[in-house]
Amino acid sequence: MTTLLGVDVAGRDVLVAGGGPVAARRARALVADGAHVRVVAPWACEDLRDLVATPDAVGPGRGTVRWDEREVVEADVDGAWLVHAATDSTTVNRDVARWAEARRTWCVVASEVDDGTARTPAVTRSGDVVVGVVSAHGADPRRARGVRDAIAEHLRTGVDQRRRRTGPGSVVLVGGGPGAVDLLTVRGRRALAEADVVVTDRLGPTGVLDELAPGVEVVDVGKTPGHHAVPQHEINAILVEQARRGRRVVRLKGGDPFVFGRGGEEVDACREAGVAVEVVPGISSALSVPALAGIPLTHRGTVAAFHVVTGHDSAGRATLDAAAVASVVERAATLVVLMGVSALDAIAAQLTAAGADAATPVAIVERGSTPQQRVTRSTLADVARRAGEVGVRAPAVIVVGDVAALDLA
């Protein structure tokens, strides 16, 4: 039988016998947990040498590691709080386990788990939650890893991780990516799993809302048919008010919060109100949606830069800045236009009036990453007519430039 224990190795002396890849992994994990690790082995693999040379690479304020370049002997076990036997010799590993047992010191044996008095579980982490899996009757590492991976996937997909909180609330701006739920980042999933309130709109992975725990409040601030979007200043007020009530608030946004997402304004509002706020980056639709449609924004021998703009300026006018226009006229960069469907006529007219080739390829990708994704290809001269003909609707990403003619999907 196996009894699970959580062992605090921070500041404690741990012996690792062996210099191979297994020993390197064990040593790295122990250093990350704050242990003072002594590796004893006549040789060391490259990963272990790197760890000894730069132990701070596992994170600041962690443990320490040193390497004694020789064979392990019984005296090495003296004073060790925990021992890992990970040499390439079963006989040596059993000797180390026997020496540790004589000193009543826990010993993990890598080659034959049942030879030791302790074993390392298959571990997964999600925020401050650590899950370890071991088999109760005999060693079965493959099964343990399989169970571990299933639990890890469950955590990634948003199992309820809300904790009792009595202190002040906080706000997390989560970039939801282009729309597909499986393009939401692991950190974004974790934030949603810990949320008490989710403030969302029609962009991004709205399907993930169906996975929220029943008690999570969802506040929809997006524009829907027959209803205007909630003004930005009111959204800011909602975030601050909910956080001041001690709640963990997630502002779920499409794409990346800082790419035409007004995330900066929301961060400023929270900070001015004294509310803790953090940002979880997302996959910007400017990059991901063209890729999903088989359109590379840069392509060797074709174009080596791209320019991302919105279809309207800060005053709401459908106009492009001089740099965006020049990128198309000079064929110097791919132009990516977000939120530009309603301004498509004006954008095409501005570019052609400035001297852009009327035959310049244009691609419009609607509802990118979703089952309803559709790509419409045309040219500057004809794109407005073509879009009207097929009924192009927002949300969509517009790509202008030679790469828009490519289809690498």
Protein backbone atom coordinates (compact mmCIF):
# COMPACT_ATOMS: atom_id res chain seq x y z
CA MET A 1 0.00 0.00 0.00
CA THR A 2 1.06 3.60 -0.57
CA THR A 3 0.30 6.58 1.67
CA LEU A 4 0.38 9.93 -0.12
CA LEU A 5 2.29 12.72 1.60
CA GLY A 6 3.15 16.25 0.58
CA VAL A 7 6.83 16.71 1.42
CA ASP A 8 8.39 20.15 1.90
CA VAL A 9 12.00 19.92 0.70
CA ALA A 10 12.69 23.66 0.76
CA GLY A 11 15.98 24.32 2.55
CA ARG A 12 16.66 20.61 3.10
CA ASP A 13 19.63 18.51 1.96
CA VAL A 14 18.80 15.97 -0.75
CA LEU A 15 21.19 13.43 -2.24
CA VAL A 16 20.83 12.43 -5.90
CA ALA A 17 22.97 9.46 -6.91
CA GLY A 18 23.46 9.33 -10.67
CA GLY A 19 24.26 11.65 -13.53
CA GLY A 20 21.91 10.61 -16.35
CA PRO A 21 18.74 12.22 -17.72
CA VAL A 22 16.53 10.79 -14.95
CA ALA A 23 18.84 12.19 -12.28
CA ALA A 24 18.86 15.53 -14.10
CA ARG A 25 15.06 15.71 -14.11
CA ARG A 26 14.84 14.79 -10.44
CA ALA A 27 17.53 17.31 -9.50
CA ARG A 28 15.88 20.10 -11.49
CA ALA A 29 12.51 19.49 -9.84
CA LEU A 30 14.08 19.44 -6.38
CA VAL A 31 15.98 22.68 -6.99
CA ALA A 32 12.77 24.28 -8.24
CA ASP A 33 11.13 23.26 -4.95
CA GLY A 34 13.92 24.88 -2.93
CA ALA A 35 16.04 21.88 -1.94
CA HIS A 36 19.83 21.92 -1.49
CA VAL A 37 20.76 19.14 -3.89
CA ARG A 38 24.05 17.24 -3.95
CA VAL A 39 24.58 15.11 -7.03
CA VAL A 40 27.15 12.31 -6.74
CA ALA A 41 28.16 10.64 -10.01
CA PRO A 42 31.37 9.99 -11.96
CA TRP A 43 29.85 11.68 -15.02
CA ALA A 44 26.91 13.97 -15.80
CA CYS A 45 24.71 14.39 -18.86
CA GLU A 46 24.47 17.76 -20.58
CA ASP A 47 21.19 18.73 -18.89
CA LEU A 48 22.67 18.07 -15.47
CA ARG A 49 25.82 20.02 -16.28
CA ASP A 50 23.66 22.94 -17.41
CA LEU A 51 21.69 22.80 -14.15
CA VAL A 52 24.87 22.83 -12.07
CA ALA A 53 26.24 25.74 -14.10
CA THR A 54 23.05 27.83 -14.00
CA PRO A 55 20.74 26.69 -11.17
CA ASP A 56 18.93 30.04 -11.19
CA ALA A 57 17.53 29.14 -14.62
CA VAL A 58 14.78 27.14 -12.91
CA GLY A 59 13.58 30.37 -11.28
CA PRO A 60 14.81 33.05 -8.88
CA GLY A 61 15.09 32.26 -5.18
CA ARG A 62 15.08 28.49 -5.67
CA GLY A 63 17.35 25.84 -4.16
CA THR A 64 20.98 25.02 -4.84
CA VAL A 65 22.85 22.20 -6.54
CA ARG A 66 26.41 20.90 -6.54
CA TRP A 67 28.07 17.95 -8.25
CA ASP A 68 30.64 15.60 -6.69
CA GLU A 69 32.35 13.92 -9.64
CA ARG A 70 32.88 10.39 -8.28
CA GLU A 71 31.12 7.15 -7.43
CA VAL A 72 28.56 7.27 -4.64
CA VAL A 73 29.57 5.76 -1.29
CA GLU A 74 27.66 4.93 1.87
CA ALA A 75 28.91 8.00 3.73
CA ASP A 76 27.16 10.23 1.16
CA VAL A 77 23.81 9.29 2.68
CA ASP A 78 24.79 10.73 6.07
CA GLY A 79 22.88 13.92 6.76
CA ALA A 80 20.59 13.62 3.74
CA TRP A 81 16.94 14.36 4.44
CA LEU A 82 15.85 12.58 1.25
CA VAL A 83 17.71 10.34 -1.22
CA HIS A 84 17.14 9.66 -4.92
CA ALA A 85 18.96 6.66 -6.40
CA ALA A 86 19.08 7.17 -10.16
CA THR A 87 22.32 5.58 -11.37
CA ASP A 88 22.47 3.28 -14.41
CA SER A 89 23.23 0.31 -12.14
CA THR A 90 20.44 -1.60 -10.41
CA THR A 91 22.97 -2.96 -7.92
CA VAL A 92 24.22 0.51 -6.96
CA ASN A 93 20.68 1.81 -6.65
CA ARG A 94 19.81 -1.05 -4.30
CA ASP A 95 22.93 -0.35 -2.24
CA VAL A 96 21.94 3.31 -1.92
CA ALA A 97 18.42 2.30 -0.88
CA ARG A 98 19.83 -0.09 1.72
CA TRP A 99 22.16 2.59 3.13
CA ALA A 100 19.22 5.01 3.37
CA GLU A 101 16.99 2.42 5.04
CA ALA A 102 19.66 1.81 7.69
CA ARG A 103 19.53 5.54 8.49
CA ARG A 104 15.72 5.72 8.35
CA THR A 105 15.92 8.14 5.42
CA TRP A 106 13.35 8.08 2.65
CA CYS A 107 14.79 6.81 -0.64
CA VAL A 108 13.33 6.92 -4.15
CA VAL A 109 14.78 4.34 -6.55
CA ALA A 110 14.41 5.17 -10.23
CA SER A 111 15.26 1.78 -11.75
CA GLU A 112 13.06 -0.41 -9.54
CA VAL A 113 10.45 1.66 -7.75
CA ASP A 114 9.59 -1.15 -5.32
CA ASP A 115 13.21 -1.21 -4.07
CA GLY A 116 12.78 2.19 -2.44
CA THR A 117 10.84 3.41 0.57
CA ALA A 118 9.28 6.32 -1.34
CA ARG A 119 8.24 7.05 -4.88
CA THR A 120 7.72 10.18 -6.93
CA PRO A 121 4.19 10.64 -8.26
CA ALA A 122 3.21 11.68 -11.76
CA VAL A 123 2.60 15.38 -11.14
CA THR A 124 0.55 18.10 -12.82
CA ARG A 125 0.17 21.69 -11.66
CA SER A 126 -2.58 24.24 -12.18
CA GLY A 127 -1.94 27.54 -10.47
CA ASP A 128 -1.34 26.79 -6.81
CA VAL A 129 -2.93 23.33 -7.11
CA VAL A 130 -0.56 20.35 -7.34
CA VAL A 131 -1.97 16.92 -8.21
CA GLY A 132 0.12 13.77 -7.75
CA VAL A 133 -0.82 10.26 -8.93
CA VAL A 134 0.71 6.96 -7.79
CA SER A 135 -0.56 3.38 -7.95
CA ALA A 136 -1.53 1.91 -4.58
CA HIS A 137 -0.43 -1.67 -5.25
CA GLY A 138 2.98 -1.91 -6.88
CA ALA A 139 4.66 0.43 -9.29
CA ASP A 140 2.74 1.25 -12.46
CA PRO A 141 4.22 4.51 -13.76
CA ARG A 142 2.57 4.27 -17.18
CA ARG A 143 -0.88 4.05 -15.64
CA ALA A 144 -0.07 6.87 -13.22
CA ARG A 145 1.03 9.10 -16.10
CA GLY A 146 -2.16 8.29 -18.00
CA VAL A 147 -4.34 9.28 -15.05
CA ARG A 148 -2.18 12.37 -14.49
CA ASP A 149 -2.61 13.46 -18.11
CA ALA A 150 -6.39 12.99 -17.93
CA ILE A 151 -6.57 15.15 -14.80
CA ALA A 152 -4.31 17.77 -16.39
CA GLU A 153 -6.62 17.97 -19.41
CA HIS A 154 -9.61 18.35 -17.09
CA LEU A 155 -7.89 21.23 -15.30
CA ARG A 156 -6.98 22.87 -18.61
CA THR A 157 -10.56 22.73 -19.84
CA GLY A 158 -11.87 24.66 -16.89
CA VAL A 159 -12.79 22.57 -13.87
CA ASP A 160 -14.14 24.83 -11.13
CA GLN A 161 -11.13 26.00 -9.09
CA ARG A 162 -12.77 28.83 -7.18
CA ARG A 163 -11.55 29.18 -3.63
CA ARG A 164 -13.09 30.83 -0.62
CA ARG A 165 -11.86 34.42 -0.57
CA THR A 166 -12.36 36.93 2.17
CA GLY A 167 -9.92 39.59 0.95
CA PRO A 168 -10.22 42.15 -1.84
CA GLY A 169 -11.28 41.09 -5.29
CA SER A 170 -9.27 41.36 -8.47
CA VAL A 171 -9.63 41.60 -12.24
CA VAL A 172 -8.02 39.44 -14.91
CA LEU A 173 -8.14 40.50 -18.55
CA VAL A 174 -8.13 37.28 -20.57
CA GLY A 175 -7.38 37.28 -24.27
CA GLY A 176 -9.67 34.61 -25.67
CA GLY A 177 -8.12 34.24 -29.10
CA PRO A 178 -10.03 34.27 -32.39
CA GLY A 179 -13.06 32.26 -31.31
CA ALA A 180 -12.33 28.54 -31.12
CA VAL A 181 -12.44 27.33 -27.53
CA ASP A 182 -9.33 25.18 -27.96
CA LEU A 183 -7.28 28.24 -28.95
CA LEU A 184 -7.77 29.76 -25.51
CA THR A 185 -4.53 29.56 -23.54
CA VAL A 186 -4.02 27.30 -20.53
CA ARG A 187 -3.56 30.34 -18.30
CA GLY A 188 -6.78 31.82 -19.66
CA ARG A 189 -8.62 28.58 -18.89
CA ARG A 190 -7.25 28.65 -15.37
CA ALA A 191 -8.42 32.22 -14.83
CA LEU A 192 -11.93 31.31 -15.99
CA ALA A 193 -11.96 28.28 -13.70
CA GLU A 194 -11.23 30.58 -10.75
CA ALA A 195 -13.71 33.31 -11.73
CA ASP A 196 -16.72 34.45 -9.73
CA VAL A 197 -17.82 36.85 -12.48
CA VAL A 198 -17.11 36.81 -16.23
CA VAL A 199 -17.62 40.03 -18.20
CA THR A 200 -17.82 39.13 -21.88
CA ASP A 201 -18.93 40.29 -25.32
CA ARG A 202 -19.72 38.62 -28.63
CA LEU A 203 -16.08 38.29 -29.71
CA GLY A 204 -13.76 35.49 -28.66
CA PRO A 205 -14.55 31.97 -27.42
CA THR A 206 -18.11 32.44 -26.14
CA GLY A 207 -18.51 28.65 -26.18
CA VAL A 208 -16.33 28.45 -23.10
CA LEU A 209 -19.10 30.15 -21.12
CA ASP A 210 -21.08 26.90 -21.29
CA GLU A 211 -18.32 25.23 -19.27
CA LEU A 212 -18.46 27.66 -16.34
CA ALA A 213 -19.61 26.47 -12.93
CA PRO A 214 -23.34 27.10 -12.26
CA GLY A 215 -22.66 29.82 -9.68
CA VAL A 216 -20.50 31.99 -11.94
CA GLU A 217 -22.21 35.24 -12.94
CA VAL A 218 -21.90 36.19 -16.63
CA VAL A 219 -22.24 39.86 -17.59
CA ASP A 220 -22.71 40.40 -21.34
CA VAL A 221 -21.53 43.84 -22.44
CA GLY A 222 -21.45 43.10 -26.18
CA LYS A 223 -23.55 44.45 -28.99
CA THR A 224 -26.35 42.10 -30.05
CA PRO A 225 -29.27 42.56 -32.46
CA GLY A 226 -31.62 45.17 -31.00
CA HIS A 227 -29.20 46.13 -28.23
CA HIS A 228 -26.30 48.56 -28.20
CA ALA A 229 -22.95 47.58 -26.73
CA VAL A 230 -22.26 48.81 -23.20
CA PRO A 231 -20.04 51.94 -23.39
CA GLN A 232 -16.42 51.46 -22.37
CA HIS A 233 -16.66 53.68 -19.29
CA GLU A 234 -19.54 51.55 -18.02
CA ILE A 235 -17.56 48.36 -18.61
CA ASN A 236 -14.72 49.86 -16.58
CA ALA A 237 -17.17 50.65 -13.78
CA ILE A 238 -18.56 47.09 -13.81
CA LEU A 239 -15.07 45.61 -13.43
CA VAL A 240 -14.20 47.89 -10.53
CA GLU A 241 -17.55 47.46 -8.77
CA GLN A 242 -17.48 43.66 -8.96
CA ALA A 243 -13.88 43.48 -7.74
CA ARG A 244 -14.66 45.81 -4.82
CA ARG A 245 -17.28 43.29 -3.74
CA GLY A 246 -14.46 40.81 -3.19
CA ARG A 247 -14.99 38.90 -6.39
CA ARG A 248 -12.54 37.40 -8.84
CA VAL A 249 -13.53 39.06 -12.13
CA VAL A 250 -12.50 37.83 -15.56
CA ARG A 251 -12.89 40.20 -18.49
CA LEU A 252 -13.02 37.78 -21.43
CA LYS A 253 -12.05 39.51 -24.66
CA GLY A 254 -11.56 38.35 -28.23
CA GLY A 255 -8.03 38.10 -29.58
CA ASP A 256 -5.46 39.81 -27.38
CA PRO A 257 -6.55 42.44 -24.82
CA PHE A 258 -3.90 44.90 -25.97
CA VAL A 259 -4.47 44.62 -29.74
CA PHE A 260 -7.41 46.97 -30.45
CA GLY A 261 -9.15 45.47 -27.44
CA ARG A 262 -9.16 48.59 -25.22
CA GLY A 263 -7.51 46.50 -22.56
CA GLY A 264 -5.19 49.35 -21.65
CA GLU A 265 -8.15 51.51 -20.66
CA GLU A 266 -9.53 48.76 -18.45
CA VAL A 267 -6.17 48.27 -16.75
CA ASP A 268 -5.91 52.02 -16.13
CA ALA A 269 -9.42 52.14 -14.66
CA CYS A 270 -8.67 49.28 -12.26
CA ARG A 271 -5.37 50.75 -11.13
CA GLU A 272 -6.88 54.19 -10.58
CA ALA A 273 -9.52 52.53 -8.40
CA GLY A 274 -6.91 50.57 -6.44
CA VAL A 275 -8.08 47.21 -7.82
CA ALA A 276 -5.50 44.51 -8.51
CA VAL A 277 -5.43 43.66 -12.21
CA GLU A 278 -3.45 41.33 -14.44
CA VAL A 279 -3.43 40.53 -18.14
CA VAL A 280 -3.45 37.09 -19.75
CA PRO A 281 -2.34 37.48 -23.38
CA GLY A 282 -4.36 35.87 -26.13
CA ILE A 283 -3.74 34.83 -29.71
CA SER A 284 -4.53 37.91 -31.77
CA SER A 285 -6.95 37.35 -34.61
CA ALA A 286 -4.69 39.55 -36.72
CA LEU A 287 -2.15 36.72 -36.75
CA SER A 288 -4.17 33.57 -36.18
CA VAL A 289 -7.13 34.04 -38.51
CA PRO A 290 -5.05 34.54 -41.68
CA ALA A 291 -2.94 31.52 -40.68
CA LEU A 292 -6.04 29.36 -40.25
CA ALA A 293 -7.11 30.42 -43.73
CA GLY A 294 -3.75 29.41 -45.17
CA ILE A 295 -2.51 32.98 -45.60
CA PRO A 296 1.02 33.66 -44.29
CA LEU A 297 1.50 37.31 -43.35
CA THR A 298 5.15 37.02 -44.32
CA HIS A 299 6.45 34.71 -47.03
CA ARG A 300 10.02 34.29 -48.17
CA GLY A 301 10.54 35.94 -51.53
CA THR A 302 7.18 37.73 -51.36
CA VAL A 303 6.98 39.99 -48.32
CA ALA A 304 8.96 40.31 -45.09
CA ALA A 305 6.74 42.56 -42.95
CA PHE A 306 3.12 43.16 -42.01
CA HIS A 307 1.10 46.13 -40.78
CA VAL A 308 -1.96 45.74 -38.51
CA VAL A 309 -4.61 48.46 -38.35
CA THR A 310 -8.25 48.91 -37.44
CA GLY A 311 -10.83 49.90 -40.03
CA HIS A 312 -11.73 53.11 -38.20
CA ASP A 313 -9.68 55.81 -36.51
CA SER A 314 -10.32 56.99 -32.93
CA ALA A 315 -12.99 59.38 -34.20
CA GLY A 316 -14.84 56.58 -35.99
CA ARG A 317 -13.81 57.62 -39.50
CA ALA A 318 -13.17 54.90 -42.07
CA THR A 319 -9.63 55.84 -43.00
CA LEU A 320 -6.14 54.34 -43.00
CA ASP A 321 -3.02 56.09 -41.74
CA ALA A 322 -0.18 57.02 -44.08
CA ALA A 323 1.99 54.07 -43.07
CA ALA A 324 -0.79 51.59 -43.82
CA VAL A 325 -1.42 53.12 -47.22
CA ALA A 326 2.29 53.14 -48.07
CA SER A 327 2.65 49.47 -47.12
CA VAL A 328 0.20 48.53 -49.88
CA VAL A 329 1.16 51.12 -52.50
CA GLU A 330 4.85 50.21 -52.21
CA ARG A 331 4.11 46.48 -51.72
CA ALA A 332 6.43 46.71 -48.72
CA ALA A 333 4.23 44.87 -46.21
CA THR A 334 1.06 42.86 -45.86
CA LEU A 335 -1.82 44.98 -44.55
CA VAL A 336 -4.12 43.37 -41.97
CA VAL A 337 -7.33 45.25 -41.18
CA LEU A 338 -9.39 44.40 -38.10
CA MET A 339 -12.99 45.56 -37.68
CA GLY A 340 -13.01 46.83 -41.25
CA VAL A 341 -16.00 45.16 -42.92
CA SER A 342 -18.24 48.23 -42.76
CA ALA A 343 -15.37 50.38 -44.04
CA LEU A 344 -14.34 48.06 -46.88
CA ASP A 345 -15.59 50.40 -49.63
CA ALA A 346 -13.74 53.39 -48.20
CA ILE A 347 -10.54 51.41 -47.55
CA ALA A 348 -10.36 50.06 -51.10
CA ALA A 349 -11.08 53.50 -52.55
CA GLN A 350 -8.42 55.17 -50.39
CA LEU A 351 -5.76 52.65 -51.36
CA THR A 352 -6.45 52.78 -55.10
CA ALA A 353 -6.64 56.58 -55.04
CA ALA A 354 -3.20 56.63 -53.42
CA GLY A 355 -1.75 54.59 -56.28
CA ALA A 356 -2.10 50.99 -55.13
CA ASP A 357 -2.39 48.45 -57.94
CA ALA A 358 -6.07 47.71 -58.49
CA ALA A 359 -5.14 44.04 -58.99
CA THR A 360 -3.64 43.76 -55.49
CA PRO A 361 -5.04 40.56 -53.89
CA VAL A 362 -7.46 40.89 -50.98
CA ALA A 363 -8.78 38.13 -48.72
CA ILE A 364 -11.58 38.42 -46.19
CA VAL A 365 -11.75 35.74 -43.50
CA GLU A 366 -15.06 35.67 -41.62
CA ARG A 367 -15.55 33.99 -38.23
CA GLY A 368 -12.02 32.65 -38.28
CA SER A 369 -11.26 29.44 -36.32
CA THR A 370 -14.95 28.50 -36.03
CA PRO A 371 -16.89 25.89 -38.04
CA GLN A 372 -18.47 28.84 -39.90
CA GLN A 373 -15.12 30.17 -41.15
CA ARG A 374 -15.34 31.45 -44.73
CA VAL A 375 -12.70 32.98 -46.99
CA THR A 376 -13.59 35.40 -49.78
CA ARG A 377 -10.81 36.34 -52.21
CA SER A 378 -10.81 39.25 -54.62
CA THR A 379 -8.79 42.32 -55.63
CA LEU A 380 -8.78 45.94 -54.52
CA ALA A 381 -10.76 46.91 -57.58
CA ASP A 382 -13.56 44.42 -56.98
CA VAL A 383 -13.51 43.49 -53.29
CA ALA A 384 -16.35 45.79 -52.17
CA ARG A 385 -18.69 44.44 -54.86
CA ARG A 386 -17.67 40.86 -54.17
CA ALA A 387 -18.17 41.24 -50.41
CA GLY A 388 -21.66 42.60 -50.95
CA GLU A 389 -22.46 39.81 -53.40
CA VAL A 390 -21.59 37.00 -50.98
CA GLY A 391 -22.87 38.82 -47.89
CA VAL A 392 -19.68 39.27 -45.90
CA ARG A 393 -20.41 40.01 -42.24
CA ALA A 394 -18.35 40.89 -39.18
CA PRO A 395 -16.37 39.63 -37.38
CA ALA A 396 -13.82 39.32 -40.16
CA VAL A 397 -10.15 39.93 -40.81
CA ILE A 398 -9.14 41.61 -44.08
CA VAL A 399 -5.73 40.84 -45.61
CA VAL A 400 -4.37 43.06 -48.39
CA GLY A 401 -1.22 42.17 -50.33
CA ASP A 402 0.34 39.52 -52.52
CA VAL A 403 0.10 36.83 -49.81
CA ALA A 404 -3.70 37.16 -49.82
CA ALA A 405 -3.70 35.13 -53.04
CA LEU A 406 -1.98 32.19 -51.32
CA ASP A 407 -3.85 29.20 -49.92
CA LEU A 408 -1.56 27.10 -47.74
CA ALA A 409 -4.31 25.62 -45.57
